[in-house]
Amino acid sequence: MATTVKTKEVQLAVYMERLDNYIQSQTELNKTLTFGMQKISSDVEEIKHWRTKIYGAKAAFITAGILIVHTFAILGSLVAILLWMDN
């Protein structure tokens, strides 16, 4: 009977040690995953920031292009009117 109690105590001690190791490894894994998620989150925010800048530059180029085309259209019509008036 005494050996059965000692065997159960040893089994319990082994189980508790394994459980402690498991909990410790899971805690380290959670810390690693949390750090990775924070890094991904900051990377996504940086990408969104750059995307906003690129959209702004794209809008500026489109606006400048429309302004240039409009300017040429106005100047062309002005030259056409002046040439028509000279004839």
Protein backbone atom coordinates (compact mmCIF):
# COMPACT_ATOMS: atom_id res chain seq x y z
CA MET A 1 0.00 0.00 0.00
CA ALA A 2 2.85 2.41 0.81
CA THR A 3 4.43 1.81 -2.57
CA THR A 4 1.14 2.55 -4.30
CA VAL A 5 0.88 5.90 -2.50
CA LYS A 6 4.50 6.73 -3.37
CA THR A 7 3.92 5.70 -6.97
CA LYS A 8 0.84 7.92 -7.17
CA GLU A 9 2.77 10.80 -5.57
CA VAL A 10 5.57 10.35 -8.10
CA GLN A 11 3.05 10.22 -10.94
CA LEU A 12 1.35 13.32 -9.59
CA ALA A 13 4.70 15.11 -9.29
CA VAL A 14 5.62 14.16 -12.86
CA TYR A 15 2.19 15.29 -14.07
CA MET A 16 2.50 18.62 -12.22
CA GLU A 17 5.97 19.22 -13.65
CA ARG A 18 4.75 18.47 -17.17
CA LEU A 19 1.79 20.75 -16.61
CA ASP A 20 4.10 23.55 -15.41
CA ASN A 21 6.31 23.08 -18.48
CA TYR A 22 3.24 23.16 -20.73
CA ILE A 23 1.92 26.33 -19.10
CA GLN A 24 5.33 27.97 -19.38
CA SER A 25 5.69 27.06 -23.06
CA GLN A 26 2.16 28.30 -23.79
CA THR A 27 2.92 31.57 -22.02
CA GLU A 28 6.05 32.06 -24.12
CA LEU A 29 4.11 31.19 -27.26
CA ASN A 30 1.41 33.72 -26.36
CA LYS A 31 4.05 36.42 -25.83
CA THR A 32 5.63 35.60 -29.19
CA LEU A 33 2.27 35.64 -30.97
CA THR A 34 1.30 38.91 -29.30
CA PHE A 35 4.56 40.53 -30.36
CA GLY A 36 4.07 39.25 -33.91
CA MET A 37 0.51 40.57 -34.06
CA GLN A 38 1.62 43.99 -32.79
CA LYS A 39 4.34 44.10 -35.45
CA ILE A 40 1.86 43.13 -38.16
CA SER A 41 -0.56 45.77 -36.90
CA SER A 42 2.09 48.50 -37.06
CA ASP A 43 3.15 47.32 -40.54
CA VAL A 44 -0.46 47.47 -41.75
CA GLU A 45 -0.86 50.98 -40.38
CA GLU A 46 2.34 52.06 -42.13
CA ILE A 47 1.09 50.56 -45.41
CA LYS A 48 -2.22 52.42 -45.01
CA HIS A 49 -0.29 55.65 -44.41
CA TRP A 50 1.76 55.16 -47.59
CA ARG A 51 -1.36 54.20 -49.55
CA THR A 52 -2.98 57.47 -48.48
CA LYS A 53 0.09 59.39 -49.66
CA ILE A 54 0.06 57.58 -53.00
CA TYR A 55 -3.65 58.27 -53.49
CA GLY A 56 -3.00 61.94 -52.73
CA ALA A 57 -0.16 62.10 -55.27
CA LYS A 58 -2.32 60.30 -57.84
CA ALA A 59 -5.13 62.81 -57.31
CA ALA A 60 -2.66 65.69 -57.62
CA PHE A 61 -1.30 64.34 -60.92
CA ILE A 62 -4.81 63.81 -62.29
CA THR A 63 -5.81 67.33 -61.26
CA ALA A 64 -2.67 68.80 -62.83
CA GLY A 65 -3.31 66.82 -66.03
CA ILE A 66 -6.89 68.04 -66.26
CA LEU A 67 -5.72 71.60 -65.64
CA ILE A 68 -3.10 71.34 -68.41
CA VAL A 69 -5.61 69.88 -70.88
CA HIS A 70 -8.12 72.57 -69.95
CA THR A 71 -5.48 75.28 -70.38
CA PHE A 72 -4.57 73.99 -73.85
CA ALA A 73 -8.25 73.82 -74.80
CA ILE A 74 -8.86 77.40 -73.70
CA LEU A 75 -5.71 78.71 -75.39
CA GLY A 76 -6.51 76.73 -78.54
CA SER A 77 -10.02 78.15 -78.69
CA LEU A 78 -8.65 81.65 -78.07
CA VAL A 79 -6.15 81.27 -80.93
CA ALA A 80 -8.91 79.87 -83.16
CA ILE A 81 -11.18 82.82 -82.38
CA LEU A 82 -8.35 85.30 -83.07
CA LEU A 83 -7.49 83.61 -86.37
CA TRP A 84 -11.16 83.54 -87.35
CA MET A 85 -11.52 87.24 -86.51
CA ASP A 86 -8.49 88.13 -88.67
CA ASN A 87 -10.03 86.51 -91.74
